[in-house]
Amino acid sequence: MSVKKLKYSILEKLQNLPKKKFEVSKRKLPIALNISNITFSKWLYIKVGESAEIKISYLRILANFFNCTVEELCNETIKEVNYDNIKDLQKTETKTEFKLK
Protein backbone atom coordinates (compact mmCIF):
# COMPACT_ATOMS: atom_id res chain seq x y z
CA MET A 1 0.00 0.00 0.00
CA SER A 2 1.42 3.37 -1.03
CA VAL A 3 1.21 6.39 1.22
CA LYS A 4 0.24 9.55 -0.62
CA LYS A 5 2.38 12.59 -0.03
CA LEU A 6 0.78 15.67 1.52
CA LYS A 7 0.12 18.53 -0.90
CA TYR A 8 1.26 21.17 1.58
CA SER A 9 4.03 21.12 4.19
CA ILE A 10 2.01 23.02 6.80
CA LEU A 11 1.84 20.04 9.19
CA GLU A 12 5.58 19.46 8.86
CA LYS A 13 6.31 23.14 9.52
CA LEU A 14 4.07 23.05 12.60
CA GLN A 15 5.71 19.87 13.89
CA ASN A 16 9.15 21.48 13.53
CA LEU A 17 8.19 24.24 15.98
CA PRO A 18 9.11 23.89 19.65
CA LYS A 19 6.36 22.03 21.55
CA LYS A 20 4.78 25.11 23.16
CA LYS A 21 4.79 27.09 19.89
CA PHE A 22 3.35 24.06 18.08
CA GLU A 23 0.44 23.77 20.54
CA VAL A 24 -0.36 27.49 20.50
CA SER A 25 0.07 27.82 16.73
CA LYS A 26 -2.15 24.83 15.92
CA ARG A 27 -4.88 26.32 18.11
CA LYS A 28 -4.49 30.00 17.16
CA LEU A 29 -3.66 29.93 13.44
CA PRO A 30 -7.26 29.11 12.45
CA ILE A 31 -8.41 32.11 14.51
CA ALA A 32 -5.83 34.38 12.87
CA LEU A 33 -6.87 33.10 9.41
CA ASN A 34 -10.56 33.49 10.28
CA ILE A 35 -11.31 29.86 9.39
CA SER A 36 -12.72 26.97 11.39
CA ASN A 37 -10.55 24.46 13.21
CA ILE A 38 -12.05 21.77 10.98
CA THR A 39 -10.99 23.61 7.81
CA PHE A 40 -7.48 24.11 9.17
CA SER A 41 -7.23 20.44 10.14
CA LYS A 42 -8.34 19.42 6.65
CA TRP A 43 -5.65 21.64 5.14
CA LEU A 44 -2.97 19.80 7.11
CA TYR A 45 -3.87 16.49 5.46
CA ILE A 46 -4.67 17.38 1.83
CA LYS A 47 -2.83 14.83 -0.31
CA VAL A 48 -1.08 15.35 -3.64
CA GLY A 49 -3.54 14.63 -6.42
CA GLU A 50 -6.62 15.68 -4.45
CA SER A 51 -8.63 18.56 -5.90
CA ALA A 52 -8.76 20.50 -2.61
CA GLU A 53 -6.68 23.66 -2.66
CA ILE A 54 -5.79 26.41 -0.22
CA LYS A 55 -6.34 29.94 -1.52
CA ILE A 56 -3.13 31.79 -2.31
CA SER A 57 -4.05 34.55 0.16
CA TYR A 58 -3.98 32.00 3.00
CA LEU A 59 -0.78 30.40 1.70
CA ARG A 60 0.90 33.80 1.70
CA ILE A 61 -0.09 34.39 5.33
CA LEU A 62 1.11 30.91 6.32
CA ALA A 63 4.38 31.39 4.42
CA ASN A 64 4.93 34.64 6.28
CA PHE A 65 4.17 32.93 9.61
CA PHE A 66 6.61 30.09 8.91
CA ASN A 67 9.17 32.47 7.39
CA CYS A 68 9.27 30.58 4.11
CA THR A 69 8.02 30.98 0.55
CA VAL A 70 4.66 29.83 -0.77
CA GLU A 71 6.58 27.40 -2.99
CA GLU A 72 8.16 25.85 0.11
CA LEU A 73 4.67 25.17 1.48
CA CYS A 74 3.67 23.32 -1.69
CA ASN A 75 4.88 19.73 -2.04
CA GLU A 76 3.68 19.32 -5.61
CA THR A 77 6.09 19.74 -8.48
CA ILE A 78 5.07 22.69 -10.58
CA LYS A 79 5.29 22.03 -14.31
CA GLU A 80 7.61 24.45 -16.02
CA VAL A 81 5.74 26.50 -18.57
CA ASN A 82 7.75 28.67 -20.91
CA TYR A 83 7.65 29.64 -24.55
CA ASP A 84 9.88 26.79 -25.76
CA ASN A 85 7.67 24.04 -24.30
CA ILE A 86 4.35 25.56 -25.40
CA LYS A 87 4.99 27.06 -28.84
CA ASP A 88 4.20 23.87 -30.77
CA LEU A 89 1.30 22.63 -28.63
CA GLN A 90 -2.09 22.28 -30.26
CA LYS A 91 -5.15 23.64 -28.46
CA THR A 92 -6.36 20.17 -27.48
CA GLU A 93 -2.93 19.16 -26.19
CA THR A 94 -2.63 22.10 -23.80
CA LYS A 95 -5.18 20.92 -21.26
CA THR A 96 -3.76 17.41 -21.17
CA GLU A 97 -0.11 18.42 -21.24
CA PHE A 98 -0.41 20.86 -18.34
CA LYS A 99 -3.18 19.01 -16.48
CA LEU A 100 -5.58 21.91 -16.69
CA LYS A 101 -9.31 21.55 -16.12
C-alpha atoms as a PDB file:
ATOM      1  CA  MET A   1       0.000   0.000   0.000  1.00  0.00           C
ATOM      2  CA  SER A   2       1.423   3.366  -1.026  1.00  0.00           C
ATOM      3  CA  VAL A   3       1.206   6.394   1.225  1.00  0.00           C
ATOM      4  CA  LYS A   4       0.238   9.553  -0.622  1.00  0.00           C
ATOM      5  CA  LYS A   5       2.382  12.592  -0.031  1.00  0.00           C
ATOM      6  CA  LEU A   6       0.775  15.666   1.518  1.00  0.00           C
ATOM      7  CA  LYS A   7       0.116  18.527  -0.905  1.00  0.00           C
ATOM      8  CA  TYR A   8       1.262  21.172   1.580  1.00  0.00           C
ATOM      9  CA  SER A   9       4.030  21.117   4.191  1.00  0.00           C
ATOM     10  CA  ILE A  10       2.010  23.016   6.805  1.00  0.00           C
ATOM     11  CA  LEU A  11       1.844  20.042   9.190  1.00  0.00           C
ATOM     12  CA  GLU A  12       5.583  19.459   8.860  1.00  0.00           C
ATOM     13  CA  LYS A  13       6.308  23.140   9.519  1.00  0.00           C
ATOM     14  CA  LEU A  14       4.068  23.051  12.599  1.00  0.00           C
ATOM     15  CA  GLN A  15       5.712  19.875  13.890  1.00  0.00           C
ATOM     16  CA  ASN A  16       9.146  21.476  13.532  1.00  0.00           C
ATOM     17  CA  LEU A  17       8.186  24.237  15.981  1.00  0.00           C
ATOM     18  CA  PRO A  18       9.111  23.894  19.646  1.00  0.00           C
ATOM     19  CA  LYS A  19       6.357  22.034  21.545  1.00  0.00           C
ATOM     20  CA  LYS A  20       4.775  25.108  23.159  1.00  0.00           C
ATOM     21  CA  LYS A  21       4.786  27.086  19.887  1.00  0.00           C
ATOM     22  CA  PHE A  22       3.346  24.059  18.082  1.00  0.00           C
ATOM     23  CA  GLU A  23       0.441  23.773  20.542  1.00  0.00           C
ATOM     24  CA  VAL A  24      -0.359  27.488  20.502  1.00  0.00           C
ATOM     25  CA  SER A  25       0.065  27.816  16.733  1.00  0.00           C
ATOM     26  CA  LYS A  26      -2.149  24.827  15.917  1.00  0.00           C
ATOM     27  CA  ARG A  27      -4.879  26.316  18.112  1.00  0.00           C
ATOM     28  CA  LYS A  28      -4.490  29.996  17.162  1.00  0.00           C
ATOM     29  CA  LEU A  29      -3.664  29.928  13.441  1.00  0.00           C
ATOM     30  CA  PRO A  30      -7.261  29.108  12.447  1.00  0.00           C
ATOM     31  CA  ILE A  31      -8.407  32.107  14.512  1.00  0.00           C
ATOM     32  CA  ALA A  32      -5.831  34.377  12.870  1.00  0.00           C
ATOM     33  CA  LEU A  33      -6.867  33.099   9.414  1.00  0.00           C
ATOM     34  CA  ASN A  34     -10.563  33.486  10.278  1.00  0.00           C
ATOM     35  CA  ILE A  35     -11.310  29.856   9.389  1.00  0.00           C
ATOM     36  CA  SER A  36     -12.719  26.973  11.388  1.00  0.00           C
ATOM     37  CA  ASN A  37     -10.549  24.458  13.215  1.00  0.00           C
ATOM     38  CA  ILE A  38     -12.045  21.767  10.976  1.00  0.00           C
ATOM     39  CA  THR A  39     -10.986  23.608   7.810  1.00  0.00           C
ATOM     40  CA  PHE A  40      -7.485  24.113   9.173  1.00  0.00           C
ATOM     41  CA  SER A  41      -7.229  20.442  10.144  1.00  0.00           C
ATOM     42  CA  LYS A  42      -8.339  19.418   6.650  1.00  0.00           C
ATOM     43  CA  TRP A  43      -5.647  21.645   5.141  1.00  0.00           C
ATOM     44  CA  LEU A  44      -2.972  19.796   7.109  1.00  0.00           C
ATOM     45  CA  TYR A  45      -3.874  16.486   5.458  1.00  0.00           C
ATOM     46  CA  ILE A  46      -4.667  17.383   1.827  1.00  0.00           C
ATOM     47  CA  LYS A  47      -2.831  14.833  -0.305  1.00  0.00           C
ATOM     48  CA  VAL A  48      -1.081  15.354  -3.639  1.00  0.00           C
ATOM     49  CA  GLY A  49      -3.544  14.634  -6.421  1.00  0.00           C
ATOM     50  CA  GLU A  50      -6.623  15.683  -4.447  1.00  0.00           C
ATOM     51  CA  SER A  51      -8.630  18.558  -5.901  1.00  0.00           C
ATOM     52  CA  ALA A  52      -8.764  20.497  -2.611  1.00  0.00           C
ATOM     53  CA  GLU A  53      -6.677  23.664  -2.665  1.00  0.00           C
ATOM     54  CA  ILE A  54      -5.788  26.414  -0.222  1.00  0.00           C
ATOM     55  CA  LYS A  55      -6.337  29.938  -1.522  1.00  0.00           C
ATOM     56  CA  ILE A  56      -3.131  31.789  -2.310  1.00  0.00           C
ATOM     57  CA  SER A  57      -4.049  34.547   0.158  1.00  0.00           C
ATOM     58  CA  TYR A  58      -3.983  31.997   2.996  1.00  0.00           C
ATOM     59  CA  LEU A  59      -0.785  30.396   1.703  1.00  0.00           C
ATOM     60  CA  ARG A  60       0.901  33.802   1.702  1.00  0.00           C
ATOM     61  CA  ILE A  61      -0.093  34.388   5.331  1.00  0.00           C
ATOM     62  CA  LEU A  62       1.113  30.912   6.322  1.00  0.00           C
ATOM     63  CA  ALA A  63       4.384  31.387   4.421  1.00  0.00           C
ATOM     64  CA  ASN A  64       4.931  34.642   6.283  1.00  0.00           C
ATOM     65  CA  PHE A  65       4.165  32.928   9.608  1.00  0.00           C
ATOM     66  CA  PHE A  66       6.615  30.090   8.913  1.00  0.00           C
ATOM     67  CA  ASN A  67       9.173  32.471   7.392  1.00  0.00           C
ATOM     68  CA  CYS A  68       9.272  30.580   4.107  1.00  0.00           C
ATOM     69  CA  THR A  69       8.023  30.977   0.552  1.00  0.00           C
ATOM     70  CA  VAL A  70       4.656  29.828  -0.771  1.00  0.00           C
ATOM     71  CA  GLU A  71       6.580  27.400  -2.987  1.00  0.00           C
ATOM     72  CA  GLU A  72       8.156  25.848   0.112  1.00  0.00           C
ATOM     73  CA  LEU A  73       4.674  25.168   1.484  1.00  0.00           C
ATOM     74  CA  CYS A  74       3.669  23.318  -1.688  1.00  0.00           C
ATOM     75  CA  ASN A  75       4.883  19.731  -2.041  1.00  0.00           C
ATOM     76  CA  GLU A  76       3.681  19.315  -5.610  1.00  0.00           C
ATOM     77  CA  THR A  77       6.087  19.741  -8.479  1.00  0.00           C
ATOM     78  CA  ILE A  78       5.071  22.693 -10.583  1.00  0.00           C
ATOM     79  CA  LYS A  79       5.287  22.026 -14.308  1.00  0.00           C
ATOM     80  CA  GLU A  80       7.614  24.454 -16.021  1.00  0.00           C
ATOM     81  CA  VAL A  81       5.738  26.502 -18.572  1.00  0.00           C
ATOM     82  CA  ASN A  82       7.745  28.667 -20.911  1.00  0.00           C
ATOM     83  CA  TYR A  83       7.653  29.641 -24.551  1.00  0.00           C
ATOM     84  CA  ASP A  84       9.878  26.790 -25.756  1.00  0.00           C
ATOM     85  CA  ASN A  85       7.672  24.043 -24.302  1.00  0.00           C
ATOM     86  CA  ILE A  86       4.349  25.555 -25.398  1.00  0.00           C
ATOM     87  CA  LYS A  87       4.993  27.056 -28.839  1.00  0.00           C
ATOM     88  CA  ASP A  88       4.201  23.867 -30.774  1.00  0.00           C
ATOM     89  CA  LEU A  89       1.301  22.629 -28.633  1.00  0.00           C
ATOM     90  CA  GLN A  90      -2.086  22.277 -30.258  1.00  0.00           C
ATOM     91  CA  LYS A  91      -5.146  23.643 -28.463  1.00  0.00           C
ATOM     92  CA  THR A  92      -6.357  20.167 -27.481  1.00  0.00           C
ATOM     93  CA  GLU A  93      -2.927  19.160 -26.190  1.00  0.00           C
ATOM     94  CA  THR A  94      -2.626  22.098 -23.803  1.00  0.00           C
ATOM     95  CA  LYS A  95      -5.183  20.923 -21.255  1.00  0.00           C
ATOM     96  CA  THR A  96      -3.757  17.414 -21.174  1.00  0.00           C
ATOM     97  CA  GLU A  97      -0.110  18.421 -21.240  1.00  0.00           C
ATOM     98  CA  PHE A  98      -0.409  20.863 -18.344  1.00  0.00           C
ATOM     99  CA  LYS A  99      -3.182  19.014 -16.478  1.00  0.00           C
ATOM    100  CA  LEU A 100      -5.581  21.910 -16.691  1.00  0.00           C
ATOM    101  CA  LYS A 101      -9.313  21.550 -16.115  1.00  0.00           C
END
